[in-house]
Amino acid sequence: MPEPAPIHEHALSNLRYIREAMERASAFTSIPGWGGVIVGITAVAAAVVGHFAPTWRVWLLTWLTEAIVAAIIAGITMLRKGKRANVSFTGGPARRFFVSYFAPVVAGAVLTLLLTRIGAFTALPATWLLLYGASFVSSGAYSIRVVPVMGVCFMLLGIVACFVPFVAGNALLGVGFGGLHIIFGFIIARSYGG
């Protein structure tokens, strides 16, 4: 008959189980509210510039530049908020958040290449709004409650963008990436610490 395991092994096993359970249950809370407000302001500017763009190419470059600017703003403000709150970006909640966030974003980037190559620019506003919304709906399962609500709002705008002329689609990009980021940015900043 084998000897029973020493009690310290049982204690370590129990502590490991508790730590992993708490990690699975915790939410990624470093979504930057004030960063979202700034991203919203830059997106409103992109919508205005896009409205007056003389060609599809200029319009597309305007929005792609906005995406890069927004990613930089979001990254910097997320790191700052995470550092203030001592949140790990390598722990389970953060990993699950980022995997579920980036999957639809990567799909959106690939579809942007495809739709641009075939000249289907009018499909881009709906594609971007729907997939960006999907990224927040899916990643919101690992974050604060307001995140999936914001995602649903983006998806609703994306559905509308499927049925309106291109000019209205560009305006919906401004409403979504601009207005929704500003509104939800303020909510997150006030309710979840910046």
N, C-alpha and C. Protein backbone atom coordinates (compact mmCIF):
# COMPACT_ATOMS: atom_id res chain seq x y z
N MET A 1 0.84 -1.18 0.00
CA MET A 1 0.00 0.00 0.00
C MET A 1 0.89 1.25 0.00
N PRO A 2 0.63 2.21 -0.93
CA PRO A 2 1.47 3.41 -0.98
C PRO A 2 1.25 4.30 0.23
N GLU A 3 2.31 5.05 0.55
CA GLU A 3 2.21 5.99 1.67
C GLU A 3 1.37 7.20 1.27
N PRO A 4 0.61 7.76 2.21
CA PRO A 4 -0.16 8.96 1.89
C PRO A 4 0.77 10.14 1.59
N ALA A 5 0.32 11.04 0.73
CA ALA A 5 1.09 12.22 0.38
C ALA A 5 1.22 13.13 1.59
N PRO A 6 2.36 13.77 1.73
CA PRO A 6 2.53 14.70 2.86
C PRO A 6 1.49 15.82 2.79
N ILE A 7 1.14 16.32 3.94
CA ILE A 7 0.08 17.34 4.03
C ILE A 7 0.44 18.61 3.25
N HIS A 8 1.71 18.98 3.20
CA HIS A 8 2.08 20.21 2.48
C HIS A 8 1.81 20.07 0.98
N GLU A 9 1.88 18.86 0.44
CA GLU A 9 1.54 18.67 -0.98
C GLU A 9 0.04 18.90 -1.21
N HIS A 10 -0.78 18.44 -0.29
CA HIS A 10 -2.22 18.70 -0.39
C HIS A 10 -2.51 20.19 -0.30
N ALA A 11 -1.82 20.87 0.63
CA ALA A 11 -2.04 22.31 0.79
C ALA A 11 -1.63 23.06 -0.47
N LEU A 12 -0.49 22.71 -1.04
CA LEU A 12 -0.05 23.38 -2.28
C LEU A 12 -1.02 23.11 -3.42
N SER A 13 -1.50 21.90 -3.50
CA SER A 13 -2.47 21.57 -4.55
C SER A 13 -3.76 22.38 -4.38
N ASN A 14 -4.23 22.49 -3.14
CA ASN A 14 -5.44 23.27 -2.87
C ASN A 14 -5.23 24.75 -3.18
N LEU A 15 -4.07 25.29 -2.80
CA LEU A 15 -3.79 26.70 -3.10
C LEU A 15 -3.72 26.95 -4.60
N ARG A 16 -3.12 26.03 -5.33
CA ARG A 16 -3.05 26.15 -6.79
C ARG A 16 -4.45 26.16 -7.38
N TYR A 17 -5.30 25.27 -6.90
CA TYR A 17 -6.68 25.20 -7.39
C TYR A 17 -7.43 26.50 -7.10
N ILE A 18 -7.28 27.02 -5.90
CA ILE A 18 -7.96 28.26 -5.51
C ILE A 18 -7.47 29.42 -6.38
N ARG A 19 -6.13 29.52 -6.56
CA ARG A 19 -5.58 30.60 -7.39
C ARG A 19 -6.10 30.52 -8.82
N GLU A 20 -6.12 29.33 -9.40
CA GLU A 20 -6.60 29.19 -10.77
C GLU A 20 -8.10 29.50 -10.87
N ALA A 21 -8.87 29.08 -9.88
CA ALA A 21 -10.31 29.38 -9.89
C ALA A 21 -10.56 30.88 -9.78
N MET A 22 -9.79 31.55 -8.94
CA MET A 22 -9.95 33.01 -8.81
C MET A 22 -9.52 33.71 -10.09
N GLU A 23 -8.47 33.22 -10.71
CA GLU A 23 -8.01 33.82 -11.97
C GLU A 23 -9.06 33.66 -13.05
N ARG A 24 -9.68 32.48 -13.12
CA ARG A 24 -10.74 32.26 -14.12
C ARG A 24 -11.94 33.14 -13.86
N ALA A 25 -12.23 33.39 -12.60
CA ALA A 25 -13.43 34.15 -12.24
C ALA A 25 -13.22 35.65 -12.35
N SER A 26 -11.98 36.10 -12.32
CA SER A 26 -11.75 37.54 -12.33
C SER A 26 -11.88 38.12 -13.73
N ALA A 27 -12.12 39.41 -13.77
CA ALA A 27 -12.34 40.11 -15.04
C ALA A 27 -11.15 41.01 -15.35
N PHE A 28 -10.91 41.21 -16.64
CA PHE A 28 -9.89 42.15 -17.09
C PHE A 28 -10.50 43.55 -17.03
N THR A 29 -9.95 44.39 -16.16
CA THR A 29 -10.59 45.68 -15.88
C THR A 29 -9.81 46.89 -16.38
N SER A 30 -8.79 46.68 -17.19
CA SER A 30 -7.96 47.81 -17.63
C SER A 30 -8.44 48.44 -18.93
N ILE A 31 -9.73 48.37 -19.19
CA ILE A 31 -10.29 49.06 -20.36
C ILE A 31 -10.22 50.56 -20.07
N PRO A 32 -9.55 51.34 -20.92
CA PRO A 32 -9.32 52.75 -20.61
C PRO A 32 -10.50 53.64 -21.01
N GLY A 33 -11.21 54.15 -20.03
CA GLY A 33 -12.34 55.03 -20.32
C GLY A 33 -11.91 56.34 -20.97
N TRP A 34 -10.93 57.02 -20.36
CA TRP A 34 -10.50 58.29 -20.93
C TRP A 34 -9.83 58.08 -22.27
N GLY A 35 -9.15 56.97 -22.43
CA GLY A 35 -8.58 56.64 -23.74
C GLY A 35 -9.67 56.47 -24.77
N GLY A 36 -10.78 55.85 -24.38
CA GLY A 36 -11.93 55.71 -25.29
C GLY A 36 -12.50 57.05 -25.71
N VAL A 37 -12.54 57.99 -24.78
CA VAL A 37 -13.03 59.33 -25.11
C VAL A 37 -12.13 59.98 -26.16
N ILE A 38 -10.81 59.87 -25.96
CA ILE A 38 -9.87 60.46 -26.91
C ILE A 38 -9.99 59.78 -28.28
N VAL A 39 -10.10 58.45 -28.27
CA VAL A 39 -10.28 57.71 -29.53
C VAL A 39 -11.56 58.18 -30.22
N GLY A 40 -12.61 58.40 -29.46
CA GLY A 40 -13.87 58.88 -30.03
C GLY A 40 -13.72 60.23 -30.70
N ILE A 41 -12.96 61.11 -30.08
CA ILE A 41 -12.75 62.44 -30.66
C ILE A 41 -11.99 62.34 -31.97
N THR A 42 -10.94 61.51 -32.00
CA THR A 42 -10.18 61.36 -33.24
C THR A 42 -11.01 60.69 -34.33
N ALA A 43 -11.92 59.80 -33.93
CA ALA A 43 -12.79 59.14 -34.92
C ALA A 43 -13.81 60.10 -35.51
N VAL A 44 -14.32 61.01 -34.71
CA VAL A 44 -15.23 62.01 -35.25
C VAL A 44 -14.49 62.85 -36.29
N ALA A 45 -13.25 63.21 -35.99
CA ALA A 45 -12.45 63.97 -36.96
C ALA A 45 -12.24 63.15 -38.24
N ALA A 46 -11.99 61.85 -38.10
CA ALA A 46 -11.80 60.99 -39.28
C ALA A 46 -13.08 60.91 -40.11
N ALA A 47 -14.23 60.86 -39.44
CA ALA A 47 -15.50 60.82 -40.18
C ALA A 47 -15.71 62.10 -40.98
N VAL A 48 -15.35 63.24 -40.41
CA VAL A 48 -15.49 64.52 -41.12
C VAL A 48 -14.54 64.55 -42.32
N VAL A 49 -13.28 64.18 -42.10
CA VAL A 49 -12.31 64.16 -43.20
C VAL A 49 -12.76 63.15 -44.26
N GLY A 50 -13.22 61.98 -43.82
CA GLY A 50 -13.69 60.96 -44.75
C GLY A 50 -14.87 61.42 -45.58
N HIS A 51 -15.75 62.20 -44.99
CA HIS A 51 -16.92 62.70 -45.71
C HIS A 51 -16.50 63.56 -46.91
N PHE A 52 -15.42 64.31 -46.76
CA PHE A 52 -14.96 65.20 -47.82
C PHE A 52 -13.83 64.60 -48.66
N ALA A 53 -13.53 63.33 -48.46
CA ALA A 53 -12.44 62.69 -49.21
C ALA A 53 -12.79 62.67 -50.70
N PRO A 54 -11.85 63.07 -51.55
CA PRO A 54 -12.15 63.14 -52.99
C PRO A 54 -12.16 61.77 -53.68
N THR A 55 -11.51 60.77 -53.07
CA THR A 55 -11.45 59.44 -53.70
C THR A 55 -11.63 58.36 -52.63
N TRP A 56 -11.94 57.15 -53.10
CA TRP A 56 -12.03 56.00 -52.20
C TRP A 56 -10.71 55.78 -51.48
N ARG A 57 -9.62 55.95 -52.22
CA ARG A 57 -8.29 55.72 -51.65
C ARG A 57 -8.03 56.67 -50.47
N VAL A 58 -8.35 57.94 -50.64
CA VAL A 58 -8.15 58.91 -49.56
C VAL A 58 -9.06 58.57 -48.38
N TRP A 59 -10.30 58.20 -48.68
CA TRP A 59 -11.22 57.80 -47.61
C TRP A 59 -10.66 56.62 -46.83
N LEU A 60 -10.21 55.60 -47.53
CA LEU A 60 -9.68 54.41 -46.88
C LEU A 60 -8.43 54.74 -46.07
N LEU A 61 -7.53 55.52 -46.63
CA LEU A 61 -6.32 55.92 -45.89
C LEU A 61 -6.66 56.73 -44.64
N THR A 62 -7.69 57.55 -44.73
CA THR A 62 -8.13 58.33 -43.56
C THR A 62 -8.53 57.39 -42.43
N TRP A 63 -9.37 56.39 -42.74
CA TRP A 63 -9.85 55.49 -41.70
C TRP A 63 -8.77 54.52 -41.23
N LEU A 64 -7.88 54.10 -42.10
CA LEU A 64 -6.79 53.22 -41.67
C LEU A 64 -5.82 53.98 -40.77
N THR A 65 -5.58 55.25 -41.09
CA THR A 65 -4.75 56.08 -40.22
C THR A 65 -5.42 56.23 -38.86
N GLU A 66 -6.72 56.45 -38.87
CA GLU A 66 -7.47 56.55 -37.61
C GLU A 66 -7.35 55.27 -36.80
N ALA A 67 -7.40 54.13 -37.46
CA ALA A 67 -7.28 52.85 -36.74
C ALA A 67 -5.92 52.74 -36.06
N ILE A 68 -4.87 53.18 -36.73
CA ILE A 68 -3.53 53.13 -36.14
C ILE A 68 -3.44 54.10 -34.96
N VAL A 69 -3.94 55.32 -35.15
CA VAL A 69 -3.92 56.32 -34.07
C VAL A 69 -4.73 55.80 -32.88
N ALA A 70 -5.90 55.23 -33.14
CA ALA A 70 -6.74 54.71 -32.06
C ALA A 70 -6.06 53.57 -31.31
N ALA A 71 -5.38 52.69 -32.04
CA ALA A 71 -4.69 51.57 -31.40
C ALA A 71 -3.57 52.08 -30.50
N ILE A 72 -2.86 53.10 -30.94
CA ILE A 72 -1.78 53.67 -30.12
C ILE A 72 -2.35 54.31 -28.86
N ILE A 73 -3.41 55.10 -29.03
CA ILE A 73 -4.05 55.75 -27.87
C ILE A 73 -4.56 54.70 -26.90
N ALA A 74 -5.27 53.71 -27.41
CA ALA A 74 -5.83 52.67 -26.54
C ALA A 74 -4.73 51.89 -25.84
N GLY A 75 -3.68 51.56 -26.57
CA GLY A 75 -2.58 50.81 -25.97
C GLY A 75 -1.91 51.56 -24.83
N ILE A 76 -1.59 52.83 -25.08
CA ILE A 76 -0.92 53.64 -24.06
C ILE A 76 -1.81 53.82 -22.84
N THR A 77 -3.07 54.18 -23.07
CA THR A 77 -3.95 54.44 -21.92
C THR A 77 -4.29 53.14 -21.18
N MET A 78 -4.36 52.02 -21.89
CA MET A 78 -4.60 50.74 -21.22
C MET A 78 -3.41 50.35 -20.34
N LEU A 79 -2.21 50.53 -20.86
CA LEU A 79 -1.02 50.23 -20.06
C LEU A 79 -0.94 51.11 -18.82
N ARG A 80 -1.25 52.38 -18.98
CA ARG A 80 -1.22 53.30 -17.82
C ARG A 80 -2.26 52.90 -16.78
N LYS A 81 -3.47 52.59 -17.22
CA LYS A 81 -4.52 52.20 -16.28
C LYS A 81 -4.15 50.88 -15.60
N GLY A 82 -3.62 49.95 -16.37
CA GLY A 82 -3.23 48.67 -15.80
C GLY A 82 -2.11 48.81 -14.78
N LYS A 83 -1.16 49.70 -15.07
CA LYS A 83 -0.06 49.93 -14.15
C LYS A 83 -0.56 50.55 -12.84
N ARG A 84 -1.47 51.54 -12.95
CA ARG A 84 -2.04 52.17 -11.75
C ARG A 84 -2.77 51.17 -10.88
N ALA A 85 -3.49 50.24 -11.53
CA ALA A 85 -4.30 49.26 -10.79
C ALA A 85 -3.55 47.97 -10.52
N ASN A 86 -2.28 47.91 -10.94
CA ASN A 86 -1.47 46.70 -10.76
C ASN A 86 -2.13 45.47 -11.37
N VAL A 87 -2.62 45.63 -12.61
CA VAL A 87 -3.29 44.55 -13.33
C VAL A 87 -2.27 43.86 -14.23
N SER A 88 -2.27 42.54 -14.21
CA SER A 88 -1.36 41.77 -15.04
C SER A 88 -1.91 41.65 -16.46
N PHE A 89 -1.04 41.88 -17.44
CA PHE A 89 -1.42 41.70 -18.84
C PHE A 89 -1.05 40.31 -19.34
N THR A 90 -0.48 39.51 -18.47
CA THR A 90 -0.11 38.15 -18.86
C THR A 90 -0.95 37.09 -18.14
N GLY A 91 -1.80 37.51 -17.22
CA GLY A 91 -2.64 36.58 -16.49
C GLY A 91 -3.79 36.05 -17.34
N GLY A 92 -4.47 35.08 -16.80
CA GLY A 92 -5.57 34.44 -17.51
C GLY A 92 -6.65 35.38 -18.02
N PRO A 93 -7.19 36.28 -17.17
CA PRO A 93 -8.25 37.17 -17.66
C PRO A 93 -7.79 38.04 -18.84
N ALA A 94 -6.57 38.58 -18.76
CA ALA A 94 -6.08 39.42 -19.85
C ALA A 94 -5.88 38.60 -21.12
N ARG A 95 -5.30 37.42 -20.98
CA ARG A 95 -5.09 36.57 -22.17
C ARG A 95 -6.41 36.22 -22.83
N ARG A 96 -7.40 35.83 -22.03
CA ARG A 96 -8.71 35.49 -22.61
C ARG A 96 -9.36 36.71 -23.25
N PHE A 97 -9.23 37.86 -22.60
CA PHE A 97 -9.79 39.10 -23.17
C PHE A 97 -9.17 39.38 -24.52
N PHE A 98 -7.84 39.37 -24.60
CA PHE A 98 -7.16 39.76 -25.84
C PHE A 98 -7.38 38.76 -26.96
N VAL A 99 -7.40 37.47 -26.65
CA VAL A 99 -7.66 36.47 -27.69
C VAL A 99 -9.05 36.67 -28.28
N SER A 100 -10.04 36.84 -27.41
CA SER A 100 -11.41 37.00 -27.91
C SER A 100 -11.63 38.37 -28.56
N TYR A 101 -10.84 39.37 -28.17
CA TYR A 101 -10.94 40.69 -28.79
C TYR A 101 -10.30 40.69 -30.17
N PHE A 102 -9.10 40.13 -30.28
CA PHE A 102 -8.35 40.25 -31.53
C PHE A 102 -8.83 39.31 -32.64
N ALA A 103 -9.50 38.23 -32.32
CA ALA A 103 -9.97 37.32 -33.38
C ALA A 103 -10.88 38.05 -34.37
N PRO A 104 -11.94 38.74 -33.94
CA PRO A 104 -12.76 39.48 -34.91
C PRO A 104 -12.03 40.66 -35.55
N VAL A 105 -11.10 41.28 -34.83
CA VAL A 105 -10.34 42.40 -35.39
C VAL A 105 -9.45 41.91 -36.53
N VAL A 106 -8.80 40.78 -36.34
CA VAL A 106 -7.98 40.20 -37.41
C VAL A 106 -8.86 39.84 -38.61
N ALA A 107 -10.03 39.27 -38.33
CA ALA A 107 -10.97 38.96 -39.43
C ALA A 107 -11.34 40.23 -40.18
N GLY A 108 -11.56 41.33 -39.46
CA GLY A 108 -11.88 42.60 -40.10
C GLY A 108 -10.74 43.11 -40.97
N ALA A 109 -9.51 42.93 -40.51
CA ALA A 109 -8.35 43.37 -41.31
C ALA A 109 -8.24 42.56 -42.60
N VAL A 110 -8.44 41.25 -42.50
CA VAL A 110 -8.36 40.40 -43.69
C VAL A 110 -9.49 40.74 -44.66
N LEU A 111 -10.70 40.93 -44.12
CA LEU A 111 -11.82 41.29 -45.00
C LEU A 111 -11.63 42.67 -45.62
N THR A 112 -10.97 43.58 -44.91
CA THR A 112 -10.67 44.89 -45.48
C THR A 112 -9.78 44.73 -46.71
N LEU A 113 -8.76 43.89 -46.59
CA LEU A 113 -7.89 43.62 -47.75
C LEU A 113 -8.69 43.05 -48.92
N LEU A 114 -9.52 42.08 -48.63
CA LEU A 114 -10.32 41.44 -49.68
C LEU A 114 -11.29 42.43 -50.32
N LEU A 115 -12.07 43.13 -49.51
CA LEU A 115 -13.07 44.06 -50.03
C LEU A 115 -12.42 45.21 -50.80
N THR A 116 -11.25 45.66 -50.34
CA THR A 116 -10.53 46.71 -51.06
C THR A 116 -10.03 46.19 -52.40
N ARG A 117 -9.51 44.98 -52.40
CA ARG A 117 -8.98 44.40 -53.64
C ARG A 117 -10.06 44.25 -54.70
N ILE A 118 -11.28 43.90 -54.28
CA ILE A 118 -12.35 43.73 -55.27
C ILE A 118 -13.15 45.02 -55.49
N GLY A 119 -12.76 46.10 -54.80
CA GLY A 119 -13.41 47.39 -54.99
C GLY A 119 -14.75 47.53 -54.29
N ALA A 120 -15.01 46.73 -53.27
CA ALA A 120 -16.29 46.78 -52.55
C ALA A 120 -16.18 47.71 -51.34
N PHE A 121 -15.82 48.96 -51.58
CA PHE A 121 -15.63 49.92 -50.50
C PHE A 121 -16.91 50.18 -49.71
N THR A 122 -18.04 50.10 -50.36
CA THR A 122 -19.30 50.39 -49.67
C THR A 122 -19.60 49.37 -48.58
N ALA A 123 -18.98 48.20 -48.62
CA ALA A 123 -19.20 47.18 -47.59
C ALA A 123 -18.32 47.40 -46.36
N LEU A 124 -17.34 48.28 -46.46
CA LEU A 124 -16.39 48.44 -45.35
C LEU A 124 -17.01 48.99 -44.07
N PRO A 125 -17.85 50.05 -44.10
CA PRO A 125 -18.41 50.52 -42.84
C PRO A 125 -19.17 49.43 -42.07
N ALA A 126 -20.01 48.68 -42.76
CA ALA A 126 -20.76 47.61 -42.09
C ALA A 126 -19.81 46.54 -41.55
N THR A 127 -18.83 46.16 -42.35
CA THR A 127 -17.86 45.13 -41.93
C THR A 127 -17.12 45.57 -40.68
N TRP A 128 -16.62 46.79 -40.70
CA TRP A 128 -15.84 47.27 -39.55
C TRP A 128 -16.70 47.38 -38.29
N LEU A 129 -17.88 47.94 -38.42
CA LEU A 129 -18.74 48.10 -37.25
C LEU A 129 -19.18 46.74 -36.68
N LEU A 130 -19.56 45.83 -37.56
CA LEU A 130 -20.01 44.51 -37.10
C LEU A 130 -18.89 43.75 -36.41
N LEU A 131 -17.71 43.70 -37.02
CA LEU A 131 -16.63 42.91 -36.44
C LEU A 131 -16.01 43.57 -35.21
N TYR A 132 -15.95 44.88 -35.19
CA TYR A 132 -15.47 45.57 -33.99
C TYR A 132 -16.46 45.33 -32.85
N GLY A 133 -17.74 45.41 -33.16
CA GLY A 133 -18.74 45.10 -32.14
C GLY A 133 -18.63 43.67 -31.65
N ALA A 134 -18.43 42.74 -32.58
CA ALA A 134 -18.27 41.34 -32.19
C ALA A 134 -17.05 41.15 -31.28
N SER A 135 -16.00 41.94 -31.53
CA SER A 135 -14.81 41.81 -30.68
C SER A 135 -15.12 42.21 -29.24
N PHE A 136 -15.97 43.22 -29.06
CA PHE A 136 -16.32 43.63 -27.70
C PHE A 136 -17.38 42.73 -27.07
N VAL A 137 -18.26 42.19 -27.87
CA VAL A 137 -19.23 41.24 -27.31
C VAL A 137 -18.49 40.01 -26.79
N SER A 138 -17.57 39.48 -27.59
CA SER A 138 -16.86 38.27 -27.16
C SER A 138 -15.87 38.54 -26.04
N SER A 139 -15.10 39.61 -26.13
CA SER A 139 -14.12 39.89 -25.07
C SER A 139 -14.79 40.39 -23.80
N GLY A 140 -15.99 40.93 -23.93
CA GLY A 140 -16.71 41.41 -22.76
C GLY A 140 -17.04 40.32 -21.76
N ALA A 141 -17.02 39.08 -22.20
CA ALA A 141 -17.24 37.97 -21.27
C ALA A 141 -16.12 37.90 -20.24
N TYR A 142 -14.98 38.50 -20.52
CA TYR A 142 -13.83 38.48 -19.62
C TYR A 142 -13.49 39.87 -19.09
N SER A 143 -14.45 40.78 -19.17
CA SER A 143 -14.17 42.15 -18.77
C SER A 143 -15.35 42.70 -17.98
N ILE A 144 -15.41 44.01 -17.91
CA ILE A 144 -16.46 44.69 -17.18
C ILE A 144 -17.78 44.63 -17.96
N ARG A 145 -18.89 44.71 -17.26
CA ARG A 145 -20.22 44.50 -17.86
C ARG A 145 -20.57 45.41 -19.01
N VAL A 146 -20.06 46.62 -19.00
CA VAL A 146 -20.44 47.60 -20.01
C VAL A 146 -19.82 47.29 -21.38
N VAL A 147 -18.74 46.52 -21.40
CA VAL A 147 -18.03 46.24 -22.66
C VAL A 147 -18.91 45.50 -23.67
N PRO A 148 -19.58 44.39 -23.29
CA PRO A 148 -20.43 43.74 -24.30
C PRO A 148 -21.63 44.59 -24.72
N VAL A 149 -22.09 45.45 -23.85
CA VAL A 149 -23.19 46.36 -24.22
C VAL A 149 -22.72 47.30 -25.32
N MET A 150 -21.51 47.82 -25.17
CA MET A 150 -20.94 48.68 -26.20
C MET A 150 -20.81 47.89 -27.51
N GLY A 151 -20.37 46.63 -27.41
CA GLY A 151 -20.24 45.79 -28.59
C GLY A 151 -21.55 45.61 -29.33
N VAL A 152 -22.62 45.39 -28.59
CA VAL A 152 -23.94 45.24 -29.21
C VAL A 152 -24.34 46.52 -29.92
N CYS A 153 -24.05 47.67 -29.33
CA CYS A 153 -24.36 48.96 -29.97
C CYS A 153 -23.60 49.11 -31.29
N PHE A 154 -22.32 48.72 -31.30
CA PHE A 154 -21.55 48.76 -32.55
C PHE A 154 -22.17 47.84 -33.59
N MET A 155 -22.58 46.65 -33.17
CA MET A 155 -23.17 45.70 -34.11
C MET A 155 -24.49 46.21 -34.68
N LEU A 156 -25.29 46.87 -33.85
CA LEU A 156 -26.54 47.44 -34.35
C LEU A 156 -26.27 48.50 -35.41
N LEU A 157 -25.26 49.34 -35.18
CA LEU A 157 -24.89 50.32 -36.20
C LEU A 157 -24.40 49.63 -37.46
N GLY A 158 -23.67 48.53 -37.30
CA GLY A 158 -23.19 47.76 -38.45
C GLY A 158 -24.33 47.18 -39.26
N ILE A 159 -25.36 46.72 -38.59
CA ILE A 159 -26.53 46.20 -39.30
C ILE A 159 -27.19 47.31 -40.10
N VAL A 160 -27.35 48.47 -39.49
CA VAL A 160 -27.93 49.62 -40.20
C VAL A 160 -27.07 49.98 -41.40
N ALA A 161 -25.73 49.93 -41.22
CA ALA A 161 -24.81 50.30 -42.30
C ALA A 161 -24.95 49.38 -43.51
N CYS A 162 -25.47 48.19 -43.31
CA CYS A 162 -25.69 47.26 -44.44
C CYS A 162 -26.75 47.77 -45.41
N PHE A 163 -27.62 48.65 -44.95
CA PHE A 163 -28.80 49.02 -45.73
C PHE A 163 -28.87 50.49 -46.09
N VAL A 164 -27.79 51.23 -45.90
CA VAL A 164 -27.82 52.66 -46.19
C VAL A 164 -26.77 52.99 -47.25
N PRO A 165 -26.90 54.14 -47.89
CA PRO A 165 -25.88 54.56 -48.86
C PRO A 165 -24.53 54.76 -48.18
N PHE A 166 -23.49 54.77 -48.98
CA PHE A 166 -22.13 54.87 -48.46
C PHE A 166 -21.92 56.11 -47.59
N VAL A 167 -22.44 57.24 -47.99
CA VAL A 167 -22.26 58.48 -47.21
C VAL A 167 -22.81 58.30 -45.81
N ALA A 168 -23.98 57.65 -45.71
CA ALA A 168 -24.54 57.38 -44.39
C ALA A 168 -23.69 56.35 -43.64
N GLY A 169 -23.08 55.40 -44.36
CA GLY A 169 -22.19 54.43 -43.72
C GLY A 169 -20.98 55.11 -43.09
N ASN A 170 -20.43 56.10 -43.80
CA ASN A 170 -19.32 56.87 -43.23
C ASN A 170 -19.77 57.62 -41.99
N ALA A 171 -20.98 58.19 -42.02
CA ALA A 171 -21.51 58.88 -40.84
C ALA A 171 -21.70 57.90 -39.69
N LEU A 172 -22.15 56.68 -39.99
CA LEU A 172 -22.31 55.67 -38.94
C LEU A 172 -20.97 55.28 -38.32
N LEU A 173 -19.90 55.30 -39.14
CA LEU A 173 -18.56 55.07 -38.58
C LEU A 173 -18.24 56.15 -37.55
N GLY A 174 -18.59 57.39 -37.88
CA GLY A 174 -18.38 58.49 -36.94
C GLY A 174 -19.21 58.34 -35.68
N VAL A 175 -20.47 57.92 -35.86
CA VAL A 175 -21.34 57.71 -34.70
C VAL A 175 -20.80 56.56 -33.82
N GLY A 176 -20.36 55.48 -34.47
CA GLY A 176 -19.86 54.33 -33.73
C GLY A 176 -18.51 54.56 -33.11
N PHE A 177 -17.49 54.70 -33.97
CA PHE A 177 -16.14 54.84 -33.47
C PHE A 177 -15.93 56.17 -32.75
N GLY A 178 -16.75 57.17 -33.09
CA GLY A 178 -16.67 58.45 -32.40
C GLY A 178 -17.60 58.49 -31.21
N GLY A 179 -18.90 58.54 -31.50
CA GLY A 179 -19.89 58.74 -30.45
C GLY A 179 -19.93 57.64 -29.39
N LEU A 180 -19.94 56.39 -29.81
CA LEU A 180 -20.01 55.30 -28.84
C LEU A 180 -18.75 55.25 -27.97
N HIS A 181 -17.59 55.50 -28.57
CA HIS A 181 -16.38 55.52 -27.74
C HIS A 181 -16.43 56.65 -26.72
N ILE A 182 -16.95 57.80 -27.11
CA ILE A 182 -17.04 58.92 -26.17
C ILE A 182 -18.03 58.58 -25.05
N ILE A 183 -19.21 58.11 -25.40
CA ILE A 183 -20.24 57.80 -24.39
C ILE A 183 -19.77 56.71 -23.44
N PHE A 184 -19.34 55.58 -24.00
CA PHE A 184 -18.92 54.47 -23.15
C PHE A 184 -17.60 54.77 -22.45
N GLY A 185 -16.76 55.60 -23.08
CA GLY A 185 -15.52 56.02 -22.41
C GLY A 185 -15.82 56.77 -21.12
N PHE A 186 -16.79 57.69 -21.17
CA PHE A 186 -17.17 58.42 -19.96
C PHE A 186 -17.75 57.46 -18.91
N ILE A 187 -18.60 56.53 -19.36
CA ILE A 187 -19.18 55.57 -18.42
C ILE A 187 -18.08 54.75 -17.74
N ILE A 188 -17.14 54.25 -18.53
CA ILE A 188 -16.05 53.44 -17.97
C ILE A 188 -15.17 54.28 -17.06
N ALA A 189 -14.85 55.49 -17.48
CA ALA A 189 -13.99 56.37 -16.66
C ALA A 189 -14.63 56.66 -15.32
N ARG A 190 -15.91 56.94 -15.32
CA ARG A 190 -16.60 57.29 -14.06
C ARG A 190 -16.85 56.08 -13.18
N SER A 191 -17.18 54.95 -13.79
CA SER A 191 -17.59 53.78 -12.99
C SER A 191 -16.46 52.80 -12.71
N TYR A 192 -15.41 52.82 -13.52
CA TYR A 192 -14.37 51.80 -13.39
C TYR A 192 -12.96 52.38 -13.28
N GLY A 193 -12.87 53.57 -12.76
CA GLY A 193 -11.57 54.13 -12.44
C GLY A 193 -10.70 54.58 -13.58
N GLY A 194 -11.25 55.35 -14.48
CA GLY A 194 -10.43 55.95 -15.54
C GLY A 194 -10.49 55.16 -16.78
